[in-house]
């Protein structure tokens, strides 16, 4: 059995001939099918296609190919185009099969990865929970009565449960970091533009990017190197010592139009990590960015992006009423997108000043612990937005600014549910953030914790 072995170690086992890709992929597919009634992490499985690709990987291995992920099973979020598969992005209806891989999938294939399936996401990735009438509810492996978060909740649940050693997600307002926090994973939102969004020229008006979810920093770095085509830069960063850093412990809730409060249990977990970093020799100071009105325009950019994403939907009437309302709003406020992109320049300059006094920001990833499945059922559009902001106000400023963030596990609640903290840095500081995260991992040993059962 290869649950919880991890991405890098799995690749090493395959390369050494200790197992075959066909055996690994078959085992992963069997685990996924067995878990579907309880976790429901996947929207589509590629059993026949994945087994055929695994057989091809074994042939490449026999011929001496040394691709970094050759024969290793992984999963991708169902906002990702794979040739021959539909991209429903959480929506109901019959979607056409794509005629080409997106650039990220092309890079995964080039690295030898075998994509076993596409993971669940809420409609157009709008919410920090992974539920929808098209596929049901995806559940948290740590306690199936709770959500794994969203919108990359299917990918997070799959990795946390050991169904696959790693997966890709996308992060538009926290959609990698939030589920990583609530399932005990490392999740990376890269700098805007680091990972190609082709065939899309600009994912969600610059808010969104693809990124990795994994159990360890090393595995996340390996997958990021592959999908960003950065050679070994991220892995080298994860292996290097970060040196003594100035770290801003940022507990202040960013600007929101609706109230949000940091739960004491989350605050304690993040502060504890700050103390760990201080003990490791870093200078940790309580200091938050001057967020100001950073949120102005976020809804314009996200809702206008939804308008574009919905172009392929076969029937809008099949979608959640909240999605339909957001789609109509997106058309109305589209003219504000240009203003938001211009305003971003001002925000980047003002908020970026914190990096004159600090190398890295340590902040909560979410304001609350994981929410129960069904927590958002029956809420109006406004009620959903209010509840969402109350739970997750910390992640989205860095999407607006396009800066990188890494979620690291911050421990468990008194109910045994994971919590997370995010490390944020200036543009292209991923190697430094991964180095610091790896140093924390050596102390915290979070990769040794697995869901009960």
Protein backbone atom coordinates (compact mmCIF):
# COMPACT_ATOMS: atom_id res chain seq x y z
CA UNK A 1 0.00 0.00 0.00
CA UNK A 2 1.27 3.48 -0.85
CA UNK A 3 -1.06 5.77 1.09
CA UNK A 4 0.81 8.72 2.60
CA UNK A 5 4.11 7.76 0.97
CA UNK A 6 4.24 11.14 -0.75
CA UNK A 7 5.03 12.40 -4.24
CA UNK A 8 8.82 12.41 -4.17
CA UNK A 9 9.13 9.01 -2.47
CA UNK A 10 6.58 7.48 -4.85
CA UNK A 11 8.56 8.78 -7.83
CA UNK A 12 11.73 7.28 -6.32
CA UNK A 13 10.08 3.89 -5.82
CA UNK A 14 8.88 3.80 -9.42
CA UNK A 15 12.28 4.91 -10.76
CA UNK A 16 14.03 2.23 -8.70
CA UNK A 17 11.74 -0.48 -10.05
CA UNK A 18 10.31 -1.24 -6.61
CA UNK A 19 6.83 -0.99 -8.10
CA UNK A 20 5.28 -0.43 -11.51
CA UNK A 21 3.22 2.51 -12.63
CA UNK A 22 0.38 0.18 -13.60
CA UNK A 23 0.27 -1.25 -10.06
CA UNK A 24 0.46 2.19 -8.47
CA UNK A 25 -2.22 3.70 -10.67
CA UNK A 26 -4.53 0.70 -10.27
CA UNK A 27 -4.11 0.86 -6.50
CA UNK A 28 -4.89 4.61 -6.49
CA UNK A 29 -7.99 4.12 -8.65
CA UNK A 30 -9.22 1.35 -6.36
CA UNK A 31 -8.72 3.54 -3.28
CA UNK A 32 -10.59 6.39 -4.92
CA UNK A 33 -13.56 4.23 -5.90
CA UNK A 34 -13.72 2.75 -2.41
CA UNK A 35 -13.69 6.22 -0.85
CA UNK A 36 -16.25 7.87 -3.12
CA UNK A 37 -19.35 7.00 -1.02
CA UNK A 38 -17.82 8.65 2.05
CA UNK A 39 -15.46 11.38 0.76
CA UNK A 40 -16.74 12.07 -2.76
CA UNK A 41 -13.49 13.78 -3.75
CA UNK A 42 -13.68 13.08 -7.50
CA UNK A 43 -15.97 14.28 -10.26
CA UNK A 44 -14.44 12.04 -12.93
CA UNK A 45 -12.15 8.99 -12.90
CA UNK A 46 -9.97 8.11 -15.88
CA UNK A 47 -9.65 4.39 -15.12
CA UNK A 48 -9.06 3.09 -18.64
CA UNK A 49 -7.09 6.09 -19.87
CA UNK A 50 -4.94 6.25 -16.72
CA UNK A 51 -4.11 2.55 -16.84
CA UNK A 52 -3.11 2.87 -20.51
CA UNK A 53 -0.93 5.89 -19.69
CA UNK A 54 0.61 3.97 -16.78
CA UNK A 55 1.55 1.14 -19.14
CA UNK A 56 3.21 3.71 -21.41
CA UNK A 57 5.06 5.11 -18.39
CA UNK A 58 6.37 1.64 -17.56
CA UNK A 59 7.68 1.37 -21.13
CA UNK A 60 9.42 4.73 -20.75
CA UNK A 61 10.95 3.58 -17.46
CA UNK A 62 12.21 0.40 -19.07
CA UNK A 63 13.81 2.50 -21.81
CA UNK A 64 15.72 4.55 -19.22
CA UNK A 65 13.55 7.69 -19.13
CA UNK A 66 14.25 9.82 -16.03
CA UNK A 67 11.30 12.24 -16.07
CA UNK A 68 10.68 13.54 -12.51
CA UNK A 69 7.14 12.21 -12.04
CA UNK A 70 7.30 9.29 -14.42
CA UNK A 71 4.50 6.82 -13.66
CA UNK A 72 3.24 8.65 -10.56
CA UNK A 73 -0.55 9.03 -10.12
CA UNK A 74 -1.85 12.52 -9.38
CA UNK A 75 -5.20 14.34 -9.58
CA UNK A 76 -6.23 17.68 -11.03
CA UNK A 77 -9.11 19.98 -10.17
CA UNK A 78 -12.10 19.97 -12.51
CA UNK A 79 -11.39 23.46 -13.81
CA UNK A 80 -8.49 21.97 -15.77
CA UNK A 81 -8.68 20.98 -19.44
CA UNK A 82 -7.63 17.41 -20.26
CA UNK A 83 -7.94 16.18 -23.82
CA UNK A 84 -10.89 13.82 -24.11
CA UNK A 85 -12.50 14.92 -20.82
CA UNK A 86 -15.21 17.52 -20.12
CA UNK A 87 -14.42 20.47 -17.85
CA UNK A 88 -17.62 21.02 -15.87
CA UNK A 89 -16.05 23.22 -13.14
CA UNK A 90 -18.59 22.05 -10.56
CA UNK A 91 -21.61 22.66 -12.78
CA UNK A 92 -24.49 20.45 -13.85
CA UNK A 93 -25.11 19.63 -17.50
CA UNK A 94 -23.48 17.81 -20.39
CA UNK A 95 -20.20 19.50 -21.27
CA UNK A 96 -18.23 18.81 -24.45
CA UNK A 97 -15.00 16.84 -24.23
CA UNK A 98 -11.94 19.02 -24.63
CA UNK A 99 -9.91 18.65 -27.78
CA UNK A 100 -6.57 19.61 -26.20
CA UNK A 101 -4.72 19.61 -22.89
CA UNK A 102 -4.16 22.91 -21.15
CA UNK A 103 -0.53 23.94 -20.74
CA UNK A 104 -0.34 22.78 -17.11
CA UNK A 105 -1.52 19.28 -18.07
CA UNK A 106 0.96 19.24 -20.93
CA UNK A 107 3.75 19.91 -18.43
CA UNK A 108 2.46 17.20 -16.11
CA UNK A 109 2.47 14.71 -18.97
CA UNK A 110 5.95 15.81 -20.03
CA UNK A 111 7.10 15.08 -16.46
CA UNK A 112 5.55 11.61 -16.73
CA UNK A 113 2.65 12.04 -14.30
CA UNK A 114 -0.44 9.88 -14.76
CA UNK A 115 -3.64 11.86 -14.13
CA UNK A 116 -6.10 9.47 -12.50
CA UNK A 117 -9.06 11.83 -12.35
CA UNK A 118 -10.58 15.28 -11.88
CA UNK A 119 -11.54 16.44 -8.42
CA UNK A 120 -14.68 18.17 -7.20
CA UNK A 121 -15.07 21.92 -6.92
CA UNK A 122 -18.12 24.12 -6.27
CA UNK A 123 -19.70 25.90 -9.23
CA UNK A 124 -16.96 27.99 -10.83
CA UNK A 125 -14.92 27.74 -7.62
CA UNK A 126 -16.95 30.49 -5.98
CA UNK A 127 -17.09 29.27 -2.39
CA UNK A 128 -14.90 27.97 0.46
CA UNK A 129 -16.88 24.73 0.59
CA UNK A 130 -17.07 21.94 -2.00
CA UNK A 131 -20.75 21.15 -2.35
CA UNK A 132 -23.19 21.32 -5.23
CA UNK A 133 -26.28 19.64 -6.59
CA UNK A 134 -24.30 18.42 -9.63
CA UNK A 135 -22.11 16.12 -7.52
CA UNK A 136 -23.18 16.29 -3.85
CA UNK A 137 -20.85 17.18 -0.99
CA UNK A 138 -17.14 16.48 -0.77
CA UNK A 139 -16.17 15.70 2.81
CA UNK A 140 -13.17 16.21 5.04
CA UNK A 141 -11.13 13.02 5.72
CA UNK A 142 -10.48 14.23 9.28
CA UNK A 143 -14.24 14.22 10.00
CA UNK A 144 -16.73 13.59 7.23
CA UNK A 145 -19.34 15.80 8.84
CA UNK A 146 -17.13 18.80 7.93
CA UNK A 147 -16.14 20.36 4.64
CA UNK A 148 -12.55 20.14 3.39
CA UNK A 149 -12.97 23.76 2.31
CA UNK A 150 -12.96 25.07 -1.21
CA UNK A 151 -12.83 25.60 -3.90
CA UNK A 152 -10.06 23.02 -4.38
CA UNK A 153 -11.75 20.83 -1.79
CA UNK A 154 -11.76 17.66 -3.89
CA UNK A 155 -8.01 17.87 -4.47
CA UNK A 156 -7.36 18.57 -0.79
CA UNK A 157 -9.56 15.69 0.38
CA UNK A 158 -7.89 13.31 -2.08
CA UNK A 159 -4.38 14.14 -0.86
CA UNK A 160 -5.28 14.31 2.84
CA UNK A 161 -6.92 10.88 2.63
CA UNK A 162 -3.91 9.35 0.86
CA UNK A 163 -5.84 8.63 -2.34
CA UNK A 164 -3.11 10.30 -4.41
CA UNK A 165 0.32 11.59 -3.32
CA UNK A 166 -0.37 15.13 -4.60
CA UNK A 167 -2.85 17.13 -6.64
CA UNK A 168 -3.25 20.46 -8.35
CA UNK A 169 -5.79 23.09 -7.44
CA UNK A 170 -6.42 26.71 -8.33
CA UNK A 171 -6.54 29.73 -6.06
CA UNK A 172 -8.63 32.78 -6.93
CA UNK A 173 -9.55 34.06 -3.45
CA UNK A 174 -7.87 31.42 -1.29
CA UNK A 175 -9.06 28.27 -3.03
CA UNK A 176 -5.81 26.32 -2.54
CA UNK A 177 -4.76 27.70 0.84
CA UNK A 178 -8.18 27.40 2.54
CA UNK A 179 -8.70 23.67 1.84
CA UNK A 180 -5.03 23.03 2.59
CA UNK A 181 -5.55 24.67 6.00
CA UNK A 182 -8.66 22.64 6.76
CA UNK A 183 -7.18 19.28 5.72
CA UNK A 184 -3.65 19.60 7.15
CA UNK A 185 -1.73 20.09 3.89
CA UNK A 186 0.87 22.33 2.32
CA UNK A 187 -0.80 24.41 -0.38
CA UNK A 188 0.96 26.96 -2.58
CA UNK A 189 -0.58 29.94 -4.35
CA UNK A 190 2.24 31.01 -6.67
CA UNK A 191 3.08 34.49 -7.87
CA UNK A 192 0.73 35.61 -10.62
CA UNK A 193 1.99 34.36 -13.97
CA UNK A 194 4.47 31.81 -12.61
CA UNK A 195 2.24 28.91 -13.68
CA UNK A 196 0.83 29.17 -17.19
CA UNK A 197 -2.94 29.61 -17.45
CA UNK A 198 -3.08 28.77 -21.17
CA UNK A 199 -5.42 28.48 -22.99
CA UNK A 200 -6.82 31.24 -20.76
CA UNK A 201 -4.89 34.50 -21.14
CA UNK A 202 -5.67 35.77 -17.63
CA UNK A 203 -7.47 33.58 -15.09
CA UNK A 204 -10.31 35.49 -13.43
CA UNK A 205 -8.87 38.92 -14.27
CA UNK A 206 -5.57 38.15 -12.60
CA UNK A 207 -7.04 36.78 -9.36
CA UNK A 208 -6.47 33.07 -9.97
CA UNK A 209 -3.56 30.73 -10.54
CA UNK A 210 -2.91 26.98 -10.50
CA UNK A 211 -0.80 25.50 -7.70
CA UNK A 212 0.06 22.32 -5.78
CA UNK A 213 -1.44 20.59 -2.74
CA UNK A 214 0.73 18.02 -0.95
CA UNK A 215 1.49 16.57 2.46
CA UNK A 216 5.06 17.89 2.60
CA UNK A 217 6.90 21.02 1.54
CA UNK A 218 9.27 18.94 -0.60
CA UNK A 219 6.37 17.36 -2.49
CA UNK A 220 4.68 20.73 -3.05
CA UNK A 221 7.99 22.15 -4.31
CA UNK A 222 8.48 19.22 -6.70
CA UNK A 223 5.00 19.59 -8.18
CA UNK A 224 5.39 23.37 -8.44
CA UNK A 225 8.69 22.96 -10.28
CA UNK A 226 6.91 20.72 -12.79
CA UNK A 227 3.84 22.86 -13.45
CA UNK A 228 5.78 26.15 -13.41
CA UNK A 229 8.67 24.77 -15.52
CA UNK A 230 11.20 26.17 -13.03
CA UNK A 231 13.71 23.32 -13.20
CA UNK A 232 14.66 22.52 -9.59
CA UNK A 233 14.41 26.06 -8.21
CA UNK A 234 11.55 25.32 -5.82
CA UNK A 235 13.05 22.05 -4.62
CA UNK A 236 16.40 23.77 -4.10
CA UNK A 237 14.63 26.42 -2.05
CA UNK A 238 12.91 23.81 0.10
CA UNK A 239 16.27 22.14 0.79
CA UNK A 240 18.12 25.32 1.74
CA UNK A 241 18.27 27.04 5.12
CA UNK A 242 16.25 30.27 5.18
CA UNK A 243 18.70 32.21 7.35
CA UNK A 244 17.50 34.62 10.01
CA UNK A 245 14.35 36.33 8.76
CA UNK A 246 12.21 39.26 9.86
CA UNK A 247 8.69 37.88 10.19
CA UNK A 248 5.58 40.03 10.61
CA UNK A 249 2.89 38.26 12.64
CA UNK A 250 -0.20 39.74 10.97
CA UNK A 251 -3.37 38.99 12.90
CA UNK A 252 -5.43 42.01 11.81
CA UNK A 253 -8.44 41.11 9.65
CA UNK A 254 -8.06 42.72 6.19
CA UNK A 255 -10.62 45.23 4.99
CA UNK A 256 -14.01 43.62 4.42
CA UNK A 257 -17.38 45.16 3.72
CA UNK A 258 -18.90 42.72 6.21
CA UNK A 259 -17.74 41.84 9.74
CA UNK A 260 -15.21 39.09 10.40
CA UNK A 261 -13.48 38.04 13.61
CA UNK A 262 -10.51 35.79 14.27
CA UNK A 263 -11.55 32.80 16.38
CA UNK A 264 -9.46 32.46 19.57
CA UNK A 265 -8.51 28.86 18.73
CA UNK A 266 -7.17 29.90 15.31
CA UNK A 267 -5.37 32.88 16.79
CA UNK A 268 -3.68 30.68 19.38
CA UNK A 269 -2.53 28.24 16.71
CA UNK A 270 -0.97 30.96 14.55
CA UNK A 271 0.65 32.72 17.51
CA UNK A 272 2.12 29.38 18.59
CA UNK A 273 3.74 29.00 15.17
CA UNK A 274 5.15 32.50 15.59
CA UNK A 275 6.74 31.41 18.85
CA UNK A 276 8.22 28.36 17.13
CA UNK A 277 9.75 30.59 14.47
CA UNK A 278 11.16 32.91 17.15
CA UNK A 279 12.70 29.91 18.90
CA UNK A 280 14.30 28.95 15.57
CA UNK A 281 16.08 32.30 15.58
CA UNK A 282 13.82 34.51 13.49
CA UNK A 283 12.79 38.02 14.48
CA UNK A 284 9.02 37.81 14.90
CA UNK A 285 7.13 41.08 15.39
CA UNK A 286 3.42 41.74 15.68
CA UNK A 287 2.73 43.88 12.60
CA UNK A 288 0.03 43.84 9.93
CA UNK A 289 0.04 45.35 6.44
CA UNK A 290 -1.85 48.59 5.94
CA UNK A 291 -4.64 46.87 4.03
CA UNK A 292 -6.71 49.99 3.47
CA UNK A 293 -9.43 49.46 0.85
CA UNK A 294 -7.69 46.50 -0.76
CA UNK A 295 -11.01 44.77 -1.35
CA UNK A 296 -12.38 47.42 -3.70
CA UNK A 297 -13.03 45.79 -7.03
CA UNK A 298 -12.58 42.18 -5.96
CA UNK A 299 -16.20 41.36 -6.70
CA UNK A 300 -16.01 43.11 -10.06
CA UNK A 301 -13.01 41.01 -11.09
CA UNK A 302 -14.36 37.72 -9.75
CA UNK A 303 -17.93 38.13 -11.00
CA UNK A 304 -16.81 39.32 -14.43
CA UNK A 305 -14.57 36.26 -14.54
CA UNK A 306 -17.59 34.10 -13.76
CA UNK A 307 -19.38 35.68 -16.70
CA UNK A 308 -16.60 34.49 -19.00
CA UNK A 309 -16.33 31.05 -17.36
CA UNK A 310 -20.05 30.46 -17.86
CA UNK A 311 -19.84 30.75 -21.64
CA UNK A 312 -19.63 26.95 -22.02
CA UNK A 313 -22.48 26.12 -19.62
CA UNK A 314 -25.16 24.20 -21.55
CA UNK A 315 -28.05 25.55 -19.50
CA UNK A 316 -27.72 28.29 -16.85
CA UNK A 317 -31.05 27.19 -15.36
CA UNK A 318 -29.31 24.04 -14.07
CA UNK A 319 -27.04 26.09 -11.82
CA UNK A 320 -27.41 27.22 -8.22
CA UNK A 321 -29.61 30.30 -7.90
CA UNK A 322 -26.67 32.10 -6.27
CA UNK A 323 -24.53 31.38 -9.33
CA UNK A 324 -27.23 32.69 -11.63
CA UNK A 325 -27.44 35.90 -9.61
CA UNK A 326 -23.66 36.31 -9.61
CA UNK A 327 -23.63 35.78 -13.37
CA UNK A 328 -26.14 38.57 -13.87
CA UNK A 329 -24.15 40.82 -11.54
CA UNK A 330 -20.96 40.05 -13.44
CA UNK A 331 -22.44 41.49 -16.60
CA UNK A 332 -23.55 44.63 -14.78
CA UNK A 333 -20.30 45.46 -13.02
CA UNK A 334 -17.86 44.41 -15.76
CA UNK A 335 -16.92 48.08 -16.45
CA UNK A 336 -15.41 48.27 -12.94
CA UNK A 337 -12.76 45.66 -13.75
CA UNK A 338 -10.48 48.18 -15.44
CA UNK A 339 -10.72 50.46 -12.39
CA UNK A 340 -9.84 47.55 -10.10
CA UNK A 341 -6.73 46.69 -12.10
CA UNK A 342 -5.60 50.31 -11.92
CA UNK A 343 -6.36 50.47 -8.19
CA UNK A 344 -4.23 47.37 -7.68
CA UNK A 345 -1.10 49.37 -8.49
CA UNK A 346 -1.82 51.71 -5.59
CA UNK A 347 -2.57 48.80 -3.27
CA UNK A 348 0.60 46.98 -4.26
CA UNK A 349 2.70 50.00 -3.37
CA UNK A 350 1.00 50.71 -0.04
CA UNK A 351 0.63 47.14 1.22
CA UNK A 352 4.04 46.20 -0.18
CA UNK A 353 5.71 48.62 2.22
CA UNK A 354 5.53 45.95 4.91
CA UNK A 355 8.25 44.08 3.03
CA UNK A 356 10.62 46.93 3.75
CA UNK A 357 10.46 45.93 7.43
CA UNK A 358 9.72 42.21 7.09
CA UNK A 359 10.88 39.44 4.80
CA UNK A 360 7.81 37.25 5.32
CA UNK A 361 4.29 37.68 6.68
CA UNK A 362 2.84 35.00 8.97
CA UNK A 363 -0.97 35.27 9.05
CA UNK A 364 -3.99 33.06 9.64
CA UNK A 365 -5.18 31.30 6.50
CA UNK A 366 -8.78 31.37 7.74
CA UNK A 367 -10.53 33.12 10.60
CA UNK A 368 -12.40 29.99 11.70
CA UNK A 369 -11.96 26.26 11.96
CA UNK A 370 -13.57 24.04 9.27
CA UNK A 371 -17.31 24.52 8.83
CA UNK A 372 -19.82 21.65 8.84
CA UNK A 373 -21.14 20.19 5.61
CA UNK A 374 -24.39 22.00 4.81
CA UNK A 375 -23.34 25.14 6.71
CA UNK A 376 -24.27 27.27 3.68
CA UNK A 377 -27.40 25.40 2.67
CA UNK A 378 -30.46 27.59 2.13
CA UNK A 379 -28.60 30.88 2.48
CA UNK A 380 -29.31 33.76 0.14
CA UNK A 381 -26.55 35.11 -2.06
CA UNK A 382 -25.88 37.88 0.46
CA UNK A 383 -26.03 35.44 3.36
CA UNK A 384 -23.53 33.14 1.65
CA UNK A 385 -21.16 36.03 1.00
CA UNK A 386 -21.44 37.25 4.59
CA UNK A 387 -20.82 33.78 6.03
CA UNK A 388 -17.95 33.17 3.61
CA UNK A 389 -16.23 36.43 4.53
CA UNK A 390 -16.63 35.68 8.24
CA UNK A 391 -14.82 32.35 7.76
CA UNK A 392 -12.19 33.31 5.19
CA UNK A 393 -11.18 37.00 5.16
CA UNK A 394 -7.39 36.51 5.19
CA UNK A 395 -6.54 34.86 1.86
CA UNK A 396 -7.92 37.09 -0.90
CA UNK A 397 -5.74 40.25 -0.55
CA UNK A 398 -2.79 38.30 -1.94
CA UNK A 399 -4.81 37.24 -4.99
CA UNK A 400 -5.62 40.88 -5.70
CA UNK A 401 -1.92 41.75 -5.48
CA UNK A 402 -0.70 38.60 -7.24
CA UNK A 403 1.75 37.72 -4.44
CA UNK A 404 2.72 34.18 -3.38
CA UNK A 405 1.42 32.45 -0.27
CA UNK A 406 2.07 29.04 1.28
CA UNK A 407 -0.34 27.42 3.72
CA UNK A 408 1.35 25.38 6.43
CA UNK A 409 -0.48 23.22 8.97
CA UNK A 410 -0.80 24.94 12.36
CA UNK A 411 -2.11 22.06 14.46
CA UNK A 412 -5.50 20.63 15.33
CA UNK A 413 -8.58 22.04 17.06
CA UNK A 414 -9.94 20.48 20.24
CA UNK A 415 -12.25 18.51 17.93
CA UNK A 416 -9.27 17.13 16.00
CA UNK A 417 -9.76 19.26 12.88
CA UNK A 418 -6.78 20.86 11.07
CA UNK A 419 -5.96 24.57 11.13
CA UNK A 420 -3.52 26.48 8.95
CA UNK A 421 -1.36 29.58 8.73
CA UNK A 422 -0.04 31.25 5.61
CA UNK A 423 3.44 32.50 4.82
CA UNK A 424 3.30 35.41 2.35
CA UNK A 425 6.16 37.15 0.59
CA UNK A 426 6.89 39.58 -2.23
CA UNK A 427 6.79 38.56 -5.89
CA UNK A 428 8.75 35.43 -6.81
CA UNK A 429 9.71 34.68 -3.20
CA UNK A 430 8.44 31.08 -3.41
CA UNK A 431 11.90 29.53 -2.77
CA UNK A 432 12.27 31.55 0.44
CA UNK A 433 8.73 30.75 1.59
CA UNK A 434 9.27 27.05 0.90
CA UNK A 435 12.61 27.15 2.74
CA UNK A 436 10.92 28.64 5.81
CA UNK A 437 8.03 26.19 5.54
CA UNK A 438 10.47 23.27 5.36
CA UNK A 439 12.20 24.53 8.50
CA UNK A 440 8.85 24.62 10.27
CA UNK A 441 8.00 21.15 8.99
CA UNK A 442 11.13 19.71 10.64
CA UNK A 443 9.90 21.09 13.95
CA UNK A 444 6.18 20.42 13.58
CA UNK A 445 6.30 17.01 11.81
CA UNK A 446 2.83 17.63 10.39
CA UNK A 447 3.40 15.10 7.60
CA UNK A 448 3.33 12.36 10.26
CA UNK A 449 -0.27 13.22 11.20
CA UNK A 450 -2.94 11.38 9.23
CA UNK A 451 -6.73 11.44 9.46
CA UNK A 452 -8.26 8.93 11.89
CA UNK A 453 -9.48 5.61 10.57
